[in-house]
Structures are given as C-alpha cells and as structure tokens.
Amino acid sequence: MPLLRQLELELNSYDPRNQSTLVESLLTQQKNALIVGHSNTIPELARLLCECAVADLDDTEYDRLIIISVADSEAVVKTLQQNRVFQP
C-alpha cells in the first residue's frame, strides 16, 4: 500500500459480487478513483461504468489498465498496456 501512504488516501473495500452498488457510488460522487481487482471482476465493473464493450482479462494478464472518464453521462474508455494504447 505504498501508493495509499504516499498520496495519504484511505483504502475502501467493495463487494465484487455486488458491483452495481460501487458503480452507483462512483457515478454519484463524481471523483477520481483507483479500483484494483482481478481478471474476473474488473472487466465487468468497467462495462457497468461505461455501458460499453470492454474486453475480458485473461488470468495471466498483469499489465492492462482500463481508464474510464465519465462527464455529462458520457463515458470515454482508454486501455493502456505496456507502452501501448488501445481504444475499444
């Protein structure tokens, strides 16, 4: 948790089986958030946030970052992967 300490942030956990609650909270708060999860939770969470297609993650992938920006109810998704940038 070095990033949390460096940025003086608090860790908040969420229930990955009930991601709609997290999505609602994120969209209501309208703040930046870093969400860390696993290959079986993050793609679905991204799909719920952007209401768009997001590729699944393989269990062996550790180098993909999905960035979702929401403004005025419109989502923009960018995927970063080891020096490469992909648009869905």
PDB file of N, CA and C in Angstrom:
ATOM      1  N   MET A   1       0.798  -1.196   0.000  1.00  0.00           N
ATOM      2  CA  MET A   1       0.000   0.000   0.000  1.00  0.00           C
ATOM      3  C   MET A   1       0.849   1.273   0.000  1.00  0.00           C
ATOM      4  N   PRO A   2       2.007   1.236  -0.636  1.00  0.00           N
ATOM      5  CA  PRO A   2       2.827   2.445  -0.697  1.00  0.00           C
ATOM      6  C   PRO A   2       2.117   3.621  -1.365  1.00  0.00           C
ATOM      7  N   LEU A   3       1.312   3.358  -2.396  1.00  0.00           N
ATOM      8  CA  LEU A   3       0.612   4.444  -3.080  1.00  0.00           C
ATOM      9  C   LEU A   3      -0.364   5.137  -2.139  1.00  0.00           C
ATOM     10  N   LEU A   4      -1.088   4.365  -1.342  1.00  0.00           N
ATOM     11  CA  LEU A   4      -2.021   4.958  -0.387  1.00  0.00           C
ATOM     12  C   LEU A   4      -1.298   5.866   0.598  1.00  0.00           C
ATOM     13  N   ARG A   5      -0.185   5.386   1.121  1.00  0.00           N
ATOM     14  CA  ARG A   5       0.587   6.190   2.078  1.00  0.00           C
ATOM     15  C   ARG A   5       1.148   7.446   1.421  1.00  0.00           C
ATOM     16  N   GLN A   6       1.698   7.289   0.231  1.00  0.00           N
ATOM     17  CA  GLN A   6       2.299   8.432  -0.453  1.00  0.00           C
ATOM     18  C   GLN A   6       1.263   9.512  -0.739  1.00  0.00           C
ATOM     19  N   LEU A   7       0.071   9.109  -1.163  1.00  0.00           N
ATOM     20  CA  LEU A   7      -0.976  10.071  -1.503  1.00  0.00           C
ATOM     21  C   LEU A   7      -1.887  10.406  -0.326  1.00  0.00           C
ATOM     22  N   GLU A   8      -1.602   9.764   0.828  1.00  0.00           N
ATOM     23  CA  GLU A   8      -2.395   9.962   2.039  1.00  0.00           C
ATOM     24  C   GLU A   8      -3.878   9.694   1.784  1.00  0.00           C
ATOM     25  N   LEU A   9      -4.138   8.549   1.166  1.00  0.00           N
ATOM     26  CA  LEU A   9      -5.504   8.129   0.864  1.00  0.00           C
ATOM     27  C   LEU A   9      -5.932   7.006   1.795  1.00  0.00           C
ATOM     28  N   GLU A  10      -7.223   6.809   1.843  1.00  0.00           N
ATOM     29  CA  GLU A  10      -7.797   5.751   2.659  1.00  0.00           C
ATOM     30  C   GLU A  10      -8.229   4.598   1.755  1.00  0.00           C
ATOM     31  N   LEU A  11      -8.024   3.378   2.221  1.00  0.00           N
ATOM     32  CA  LEU A  11      -8.446   2.194   1.482  1.00  0.00           C
ATOM     33  C   LEU A  11      -9.910   1.916   1.766  1.00  0.00           C
ATOM     34  N   ASN A  12     -10.692   1.764   0.716  1.00  0.00           N
ATOM     35  CA  ASN A  12     -12.103   1.400   0.839  1.00  0.00           C
ATOM     36  C   ASN A  12     -12.320   0.106   0.077  1.00  0.00           C
ATOM     37  N   SER A  13     -12.896  -0.873   0.722  1.00  0.00           N
ATOM     38  CA  SER A  13     -13.179  -2.151   0.071  1.00  0.00           C
ATOM     39  C   SER A  13     -14.583  -2.136  -0.510  1.00  0.00           C
ATOM     40  N   TYR A  14     -14.792  -2.991  -1.499  1.00  0.00           N
ATOM     41  CA  TYR A  14     -16.123  -3.142  -2.091  1.00  0.00           C
ATOM     42  C   TYR A  14     -16.409  -4.626  -2.276  1.00  0.00           C
ATOM     43  N   ASP A  15     -17.676  -4.944  -2.435  1.00  0.00           N
ATOM     44  CA  ASP A  15     -18.092  -6.325  -2.633  1.00  0.00           C
ATOM     45  C   ASP A  15     -18.101  -6.607  -4.138  1.00  0.00           C
ATOM     46  N   PRO A  16     -17.164  -7.403  -4.643  1.00  0.00           N
ATOM     47  CA  PRO A  16     -17.109  -7.660  -6.087  1.00  0.00           C
ATOM     48  C   PRO A  16     -18.318  -8.438  -6.601  1.00  0.00           C
ATOM     49  N   ARG A  17     -19.102  -9.026  -5.695  1.00  0.00           N
ATOM     50  CA  ARG A  17     -20.316  -9.747  -6.114  1.00  0.00           C
ATOM     51  C   ARG A  17     -21.488  -8.791  -6.304  1.00  0.00           C
ATOM     52  N   ASN A  18     -21.327  -7.542  -5.844  1.00  0.00           N
ATOM     53  CA  ASN A  18     -22.386  -6.541  -5.966  1.00  0.00           C
ATOM     54  C   ASN A  18     -21.781  -5.251  -6.509  1.00  0.00           C
ATOM     55  N   GLN A  19     -21.305  -5.305  -7.739  1.00  0.00           N
ATOM     56  CA  GLN A  19     -20.597  -4.171  -8.322  1.00  0.00           C
ATOM     57  C   GLN A  19     -21.513  -3.000  -8.672  1.00  0.00           C
ATOM     58  N   SER A  20     -22.797  -3.268  -8.808  1.00  0.00           N
ATOM     59  CA  SER A  20     -23.718  -2.180  -9.148  1.00  0.00           C
ATOM     60  C   SER A  20     -23.756  -1.125  -8.042  1.00  0.00           C
ATOM     61  N   THR A  21     -23.575  -1.530  -6.788  1.00  0.00           N
ATOM     62  CA  THR A  21     -23.524  -0.572  -5.686  1.00  0.00           C
ATOM     63  C   THR A  21     -22.304   0.326  -5.819  1.00  0.00           C
ATOM     64  N   LEU A  22     -21.166  -0.256  -6.154  1.00  0.00           N
ATOM     65  CA  LEU A  22     -19.948   0.527  -6.352  1.00  0.00           C
ATOM     66  C   LEU A  22     -20.111   1.476  -7.533  1.00  0.00           C
ATOM     67  N   VAL A  23     -20.663   1.004  -8.626  1.00  0.00           N
ATOM     68  CA  VAL A  23     -20.864   1.842  -9.816  1.00  0.00           C
ATOM     69  C   VAL A  23     -21.740   3.033  -9.473  1.00  0.00           C
ATOM     70  N   GLU A  24     -22.832   2.786  -8.788  1.00  0.00           N
ATOM     71  CA  GLU A  24     -23.742   3.870  -8.399  1.00  0.00           C
ATOM     72  C   GLU A  24     -23.011   4.896  -7.528  1.00  0.00           C
ATOM     73  N   SER A  25     -22.238   4.419  -6.583  1.00  0.00           N
ATOM     74  CA  SER A  25     -21.484   5.307  -5.707  1.00  0.00           C
ATOM     75  C   SER A  25     -20.468   6.138  -6.487  1.00  0.00           C
ATOM     76  N   LEU A  26     -19.731   5.502  -7.378  1.00  0.00           N
ATOM     77  CA  LEU A  26     -18.729   6.208  -8.176  1.00  0.00           C
ATOM     78  C   LEU A  26     -19.360   7.276  -9.063  1.00  0.00           C
ATOM     79  N   LEU A  27     -20.454   6.932  -9.712  1.00  0.00           N
ATOM     80  CA  LEU A  27     -21.103   7.885 -10.611  1.00  0.00           C
ATOM     81  C   LEU A  27     -21.749   9.032  -9.843  1.00  0.00           C
ATOM     82  N   THR A  28     -22.212   8.766  -8.625  1.00  0.00           N
ATOM     83  CA  THR A  28     -22.814   9.809  -7.797  1.00  0.00           C
ATOM     84  C   THR A  28     -21.755  10.751  -7.238  1.00  0.00           C
ATOM     85  N   GLN A  29     -20.642  10.193  -6.765  1.00  0.00           N
ATOM     86  CA  GLN A  29     -19.590  11.007  -6.153  1.00  0.00           C
ATOM     87  C   GLN A  29     -18.852  11.880  -7.156  1.00  0.00           C
ATOM     88  N   GLN A  30     -18.736  11.420  -8.380  1.00  0.00           N
ATOM     89  CA  GLN A  30     -18.050  12.156  -9.441  1.00  0.00           C
ATOM     90  C   GLN A  30     -16.648  12.595  -9.016  1.00  0.00           C
ATOM     91  N   LYS A  31     -15.876  11.624  -8.510  1.00  0.00           N
ATOM     92  CA  LYS A  31     -14.495  11.877  -8.112  1.00  0.00           C
ATOM     93  C   LYS A  31     -13.588  10.867  -8.798  1.00  0.00           C
ATOM     94  N   ASN A  32     -12.308  11.155  -8.806  1.00  0.00           N
ATOM     95  CA  ASN A  32     -11.338  10.192  -9.318  1.00  0.00           C
ATOM     96  C   ASN A  32     -11.257   9.009  -8.370  1.00  0.00           C
ATOM     97  N   ALA A  33     -11.064   7.832  -8.934  1.00  0.00           N
ATOM     98  CA  ALA A  33     -10.948   6.624  -8.125  1.00  0.00           C
ATOM     99  C   ALA A  33      -9.992   5.657  -8.803  1.00  0.00           C
ATOM    100  N   LEU A  34      -9.213   4.969  -8.008  1.00  0.00           N
ATOM    101  CA  LEU A  34      -8.370   3.881  -8.485  1.00  0.00           C
ATOM    102  C   LEU A  34      -8.978   2.607  -7.935  1.00  0.00           C
ATOM    103  N   ILE A  35      -9.386   1.720  -8.828  1.00  0.00           N
ATOM    104  CA  ILE A  35     -10.018   0.474  -8.410  1.00  0.00           C
ATOM    105  C   ILE A  35      -9.120  -0.663  -8.848  1.00  0.00           C
ATOM    106  N   VAL A  36      -8.757  -1.479  -7.889  1.00  0.00           N
ATOM    107  CA  VAL A  36      -7.877  -2.607  -8.142  1.00  0.00           C
ATOM    108  C   VAL A  36      -8.681  -3.874  -7.935  1.00  0.00           C
ATOM    109  N   GLY A  37      -8.551  -4.801  -8.875  1.00  0.00           N
ATOM    110  CA  GLY A  37      -9.305  -6.040  -8.767  1.00  0.00           C
ATOM    111  C   GLY A  37      -8.621  -7.148  -9.534  1.00  0.00           C
ATOM    112  N   HIS A  38      -9.399  -8.113  -9.909  1.00  0.00           N
ATOM    113  CA  HIS A  38      -8.889  -9.296 -10.592  1.00  0.00           C
ATOM    114  C   HIS A  38      -9.529  -9.428 -11.972  1.00  0.00           C
ATOM    115  N   SER A  39      -9.005 -10.358 -12.733  1.00  0.00           N
ATOM    116  CA  SER A  39      -9.471 -10.565 -14.103  1.00  0.00           C
ATOM    117  C   SER A  39     -10.950 -10.930 -14.170  1.00  0.00           C
ATOM    118  N   ASN A  40     -11.486 -11.482 -13.102  1.00  0.00           N
ATOM    119  CA  ASN A  40     -12.898 -11.879 -13.132  1.00  0.00           C
ATOM    120  C   ASN A  40     -13.825 -10.789 -12.598  1.00  0.00           C
ATOM    121  N   THR A  41     -13.295  -9.629 -12.185  1.00  0.00           N
ATOM    122  CA  THR A  41     -14.152  -8.557 -11.673  1.00  0.00           C
ATOM    123  C   THR A  41     -13.998  -7.231 -12.418  1.00  0.00           C
ATOM    124  N   ILE A  42     -12.791  -6.868 -12.777  1.00  0.00           N
ATOM    125  CA  ILE A  42     -12.547  -5.542 -13.352  1.00  0.00           C
ATOM    126  C   ILE A  42     -13.211  -5.331 -14.716  1.00  0.00           C
ATOM    127  N   PRO A  43     -13.160  -6.276 -15.653  1.00  0.00           N
ATOM    128  CA  PRO A  43     -13.832  -6.020 -16.935  1.00  0.00           C
ATOM    129  C   PRO A  43     -15.338  -5.769 -16.773  1.00  0.00           C
ATOM    130  N   GLU A  44     -15.988  -6.534 -15.920  1.00  0.00           N
ATOM    131  CA  GLU A  44     -17.425  -6.333 -15.709  1.00  0.00           C
ATOM    132  C   GLU A  44     -17.688  -4.983 -15.061  1.00  0.00           C
ATOM    133  N   LEU A  45     -16.873  -4.607 -14.110  1.00  0.00           N
ATOM    134  CA  LEU A  45     -17.015  -3.295 -13.477  1.00  0.00           C
ATOM    135  C   LEU A  45     -16.848  -2.182 -14.516  1.00  0.00           C
ATOM    136  N   ALA A  46     -15.869  -2.321 -15.380  1.00  0.00           N
ATOM    137  CA  ALA A  46     -15.654  -1.334 -16.441  1.00  0.00           C
ATOM    138  C   ALA A  46     -16.860  -1.263 -17.368  1.00  0.00           C
ATOM    139  N   ARG A  47     -17.408  -2.421 -17.728  1.00  0.00           N
ATOM    140  CA  ARG A  47     -18.594  -2.437 -18.607  1.00  0.00           C
ATOM    141  C   ARG A  47     -19.778  -1.725 -17.951  1.00  0.00           C
ATOM    142  N   LEU A  48     -19.946  -1.934 -16.638  1.00  0.00           N
ATOM    143  CA  LEU A  48     -21.046  -1.276 -15.923  1.00  0.00           C
ATOM    144  C   LEU A  48     -20.842   0.238 -15.866  1.00  0.00           C
ATOM    145  N   LEU A  49     -19.613   0.664 -15.677  1.00  0.00           N
ATOM    146  CA  LEU A  49     -19.334   2.102 -15.588  1.00  0.00           C
ATOM    147  C   LEU A  49     -19.532   2.818 -16.915  1.00  0.00           C
ATOM    148  N   CYS A  50     -19.070   2.218 -17.990  1.00  0.00           N
ATOM    149  CA  CYS A  50     -19.133   2.914 -19.280  1.00  0.00           C
ATOM    150  C   CYS A  50     -20.339   2.518 -20.115  1.00  0.00           C
ATOM    151  N   GLU A  51     -21.014   1.436 -19.712  1.00  0.00           N
ATOM    152  CA  GLU A  51     -22.121   0.903 -20.513  1.00  0.00           C
ATOM    153  C   GLU A  51     -21.658   0.676 -21.947  1.00  0.00           C
ATOM    154  N   CYS A  52     -20.498   0.008 -22.060  1.00  0.00           N
ATOM    155  CA  CYS A  52     -19.913  -0.245 -23.369  1.00  0.00           C
ATOM    156  C   CYS A  52     -19.174  -1.584 -23.336  1.00  0.00           C
ATOM    157  N   ALA A  53     -18.650  -1.976 -24.472  1.00  0.00           N
ATOM    158  CA  ALA A  53     -17.904  -3.230 -24.573  1.00  0.00           C
ATOM    159  C   ALA A  53     -16.494  -3.039 -24.020  1.00  0.00           C
ATOM    160  N   VAL A  54     -16.084  -3.936 -23.142  1.00  0.00           N
ATOM    161  CA  VAL A  54     -14.724  -3.961 -22.603  1.00  0.00           C
ATOM    162  C   VAL A  54     -14.260  -5.413 -22.673  1.00  0.00           C
ATOM    163  N   ALA A  55     -13.102  -5.640 -23.235  1.00  0.00           N
ATOM    164  CA  ALA A  55     -12.586  -6.999 -23.401  1.00  0.00           C
ATOM    165  C   ALA A  55     -12.322  -7.657 -22.047  1.00  0.00           C
ATOM    166  N   ASP A  56     -12.551  -8.959 -21.996  1.00  0.00           N
ATOM    167  CA  ASP A  56     -12.230  -9.725 -20.798  1.00  0.00           C
ATOM    168  C   ASP A  56     -10.724  -9.730 -20.575  1.00  0.00           C
ATOM    169  N   LEU A  57     -10.328  -9.997 -19.339  1.00  0.00           N
ATOM    170  CA  LEU A  57      -8.915 -10.156 -18.994  1.00  0.00           C
ATOM    171  C   LEU A  57      -8.619 -11.632 -18.799  1.00  0.00           C
ATOM    172  N   ASP A  58      -7.483 -12.055 -19.277  1.00  0.00           N
ATOM    173  CA  ASP A  58      -7.013 -13.410 -19.031  1.00  0.00           C
ATOM    174  C   ASP A  58      -6.369 -13.445 -17.644  1.00  0.00           C
ATOM    175  N   ASP A  59      -6.421 -14.590 -16.990  1.00  0.00           N
ATOM    176  CA  ASP A  59      -5.828 -14.728 -15.661  1.00  0.00           C
ATOM    177  C   ASP A  59      -4.331 -14.447 -15.633  1.00  0.00           C
ATOM    178  N   THR A  60      -3.685 -14.498 -16.779  1.00  0.00           N
ATOM    179  CA  THR A  60      -2.231 -14.285 -16.827  1.00  0.00           C
ATOM    180  C   THR A  60      -1.855 -12.847 -17.192  1.00  0.00           C
ATOM    181  N   GLU A  61      -2.834 -11.965 -17.362  1.00  0.00           N
ATOM    182  CA  GLU A  61      -2.563 -10.563 -17.710  1.00  0.00           C
ATOM    183  C   GLU A  61      -2.368  -9.738 -16.453  1.00  0.00           C
ATOM    184  N   TYR A  62      -1.260  -9.034 -16.404  1.00  0.00           N
ATOM    185  CA  TYR A  62      -0.975  -8.171 -15.266  1.00  0.00           C
ATOM    186  C   TYR A  62      -0.559  -6.778 -15.707  1.00  0.00           C
ATOM    187  N   ASP A  63      -0.737  -6.479 -16.978  1.00  0.00           N
ATOM    188  CA  ASP A  63      -0.195  -5.230 -17.497  1.00  0.00           C
ATOM    189  C   ASP A  63      -1.233  -4.354 -18.200  1.00  0.00           C
ATOM    190  N   ARG A  64      -2.498  -4.557 -17.890  1.00  0.00           N
ATOM    191  CA  ARG A  64      -3.533  -3.755 -18.543  1.00  0.00           C
ATOM    192  C   ARG A  64      -4.191  -2.820 -17.539  1.00  0.00           C
ATOM    193  N   LEU A  65      -4.344  -1.579 -17.940  1.00  0.00           N
ATOM    194  CA  LEU A  65      -5.005  -0.566 -17.129  1.00  0.00           C
ATOM    195  C   LEU A  65      -6.163  -0.010 -17.946  1.00  0.00           C
ATOM    196  N   ILE A  66      -7.345  -0.052 -17.386  1.00  0.00           N
ATOM    197  CA  ILE A  66      -8.534   0.465 -18.060  1.00  0.00           C
ATOM    198  C   ILE A  66      -8.883   1.795 -17.415  1.00  0.00           C
ATOM    199  N   ILE A  67      -8.901   2.839 -18.222  1.00  0.00           N
ATOM    200  CA  ILE A  67      -9.219   4.180 -17.724  1.00  0.00           C
ATOM    201  C   ILE A  67     -10.585   4.568 -18.266  1.00  0.00           C
ATOM    202  N   ILE A  68     -11.485   4.914 -17.359  1.00  0.00           N
ATOM    203  CA  ILE A  68     -12.831   5.332 -17.757  1.00  0.00           C
ATOM    204  C   ILE A  68     -13.066   6.732 -17.231  1.00  0.00           C
ATOM    205  N   SER A  69     -13.374   7.639 -18.127  1.00  0.00           N
ATOM    206  CA  SER A  69     -13.702   9.012 -17.752  1.00  0.00           C
ATOM    207  C   SER A  69     -15.174   9.229 -18.067  1.00  0.00           C
ATOM    208  N   VAL A  70     -15.903   9.728 -17.083  1.00  0.00           N
ATOM    209  CA  VAL A  70     -17.329   9.983 -17.278  1.00  0.00           C
ATOM    210  C   VAL A  70     -17.583  11.463 -17.034  1.00  0.00           C
ATOM    211  N   ALA A  71     -18.173  12.125 -18.021  1.00  0.00           N
ATOM    212  CA  ALA A  71     -18.544  13.534 -17.904  1.00  0.00           C
ATOM    213  C   ALA A  71     -19.874  13.730 -18.611  1.00  0.00           C
ATOM    214  N   ASP A  72     -20.778  14.398 -17.937  1.00  0.00           N
ATOM    215  CA  ASP A  72     -22.110  14.643 -18.512  1.00  0.00           C
ATOM    216  C   ASP A  72     -22.754  13.352 -19.008  1.00  0.00           C
ATOM    217  N   SER A  73     -22.638  12.295 -18.217  1.00  0.00           N
ATOM    218  CA  SER A  73     -23.224  10.982 -18.516  1.00  0.00           C
ATOM    219  C   SER A  73     -22.641  10.316 -19.761  1.00  0.00           C
ATOM    220  N   GLU A  74     -21.520  10.815 -20.246  1.00  0.00           N
ATOM    221  CA  GLU A  74     -20.862  10.202 -21.395  1.00  0.00           C
ATOM    222  C   GLU A  74     -19.519   9.634 -20.960  1.00  0.00           C
ATOM    223  N   ALA A  75     -19.293   8.360 -21.277  1.00  0.00           N
ATOM    224  CA  ALA A  75     -18.065   7.686 -20.863  1.00  0.00           C
ATOM    225  C   ALA A  75     -17.080   7.584 -22.015  1.00  0.00           C
ATOM    226  N   VAL A  76     -15.810   7.779 -21.679  1.00  0.00           N
ATOM    227  CA  VAL A  76     -14.713   7.585 -22.616  1.00  0.00           C
ATOM    228  C   VAL A  76     -13.805   6.535 -21.999  1.00  0.00           C
ATOM    229  N   VAL A  77     -13.464   5.509 -22.777  1.00  0.00           N
ATOM    230  CA  VAL A  77     -12.657   4.401 -22.269  1.00  0.00           C
ATOM    231  C   VAL A  77     -11.339   4.357 -23.022  1.00  0.00           C
ATOM    232  N   LYS A  78     -10.267   4.210 -22.267  1.00  0.00           N
ATOM    233  CA  LYS A  78      -8.935   4.046 -22.847  1.00  0.00           C
ATOM    234  C   LYS A  78      -8.283   2.874 -22.119  1.00  0.00           C
ATOM    235  N   THR A  79      -7.608   2.023 -22.868  1.00  0.00           N
ATOM    236  CA  THR A  79      -6.910   0.887 -22.284  1.00  0.00           C
ATOM    237  C   THR A  79      -5.413   1.060 -22.517  1.00  0.00           C
ATOM    238  N   LEU A  80      -4.644   1.003 -21.446  1.00  0.00           N
ATOM    239  CA  LEU A  80      -3.192   1.088 -21.530  1.00  0.00           C
ATOM    240  C   LEU A  80      -2.613  -0.283 -21.247  1.00  0.00           C
ATOM    241  N   GLN A  81      -1.606  -0.651 -22.015  1.00  0.00           N
ATOM    242  CA  GLN A  81      -0.981  -1.954 -21.823  1.00  0.00           C
ATOM    243  C   GLN A  81       0.480  -1.858 -22.232  1.00  0.00           C
ATOM    244  N   GLN A  82       1.380  -1.889 -21.280  1.00  0.00           N
ATOM    245  CA  GLN A  82       2.829  -1.884 -21.521  1.00  0.00           C
ATOM    246  C   GLN A  82       3.248  -1.088 -22.740  1.00  0.00           C
ATOM    247  N   ASN A  83       3.288   0.184 -22.637  1.00  0.00           N
ATOM    248  CA  ASN A  83       3.752   1.060 -23.703  1.00  0.00           C
ATOM    249  C   ASN A  83       2.867   1.059 -24.939  1.00  0.00           C
ATOM    250  N   ARG A  84       1.662   0.502 -24.836  1.00  0.00           N
ATOM    251  CA  ARG A  84       0.730   0.526 -25.969  1.00  0.00           C
ATOM    252  C   ARG A  84      -0.582   1.124 -25.484  1.00  0.00           C
ATOM    253  N   VAL A  85      -1.284   1.828 -26.352  1.00  0.00           N
ATOM    254  CA  VAL A  85      -2.565   2.395 -26.026  1.00  0.00           C
ATOM    255  C   VAL A  85      -3.587   1.849 -27.009  1.00  0.00           C
ATOM    256  N   PHE A  86      -4.703   1.332 -26.475  1.00  0.00           N
ATOM    257  CA  PHE A  86      -5.769   0.764 -27.301  1.00  0.00           C
ATOM    258  C   PHE A  86      -7.053   1.529 -27.040  1.00  0.00           C
ATOM    259  N   GLN A  87      -7.809   1.774 -28.054  1.00  0.00           N
ATOM    260  CA  GLN A  87      -9.157   2.319 -27.908  1.00  0.00           C
ATOM    261  C   GLN A  87     -10.115   1.171 -28.194  1.00  0.00           C
ATOM    262  N   PRO A  88     -11.106   0.958 -27.345  1.00  0.00           N
ATOM    263  CA  PRO A  88     -12.032  -0.179 -27.582  1.00  0.00           C
ATOM    264  C   PRO A  88     -12.874   0.003 -28.824  1.00  0.00           C
TER     265      PRO A  88
END
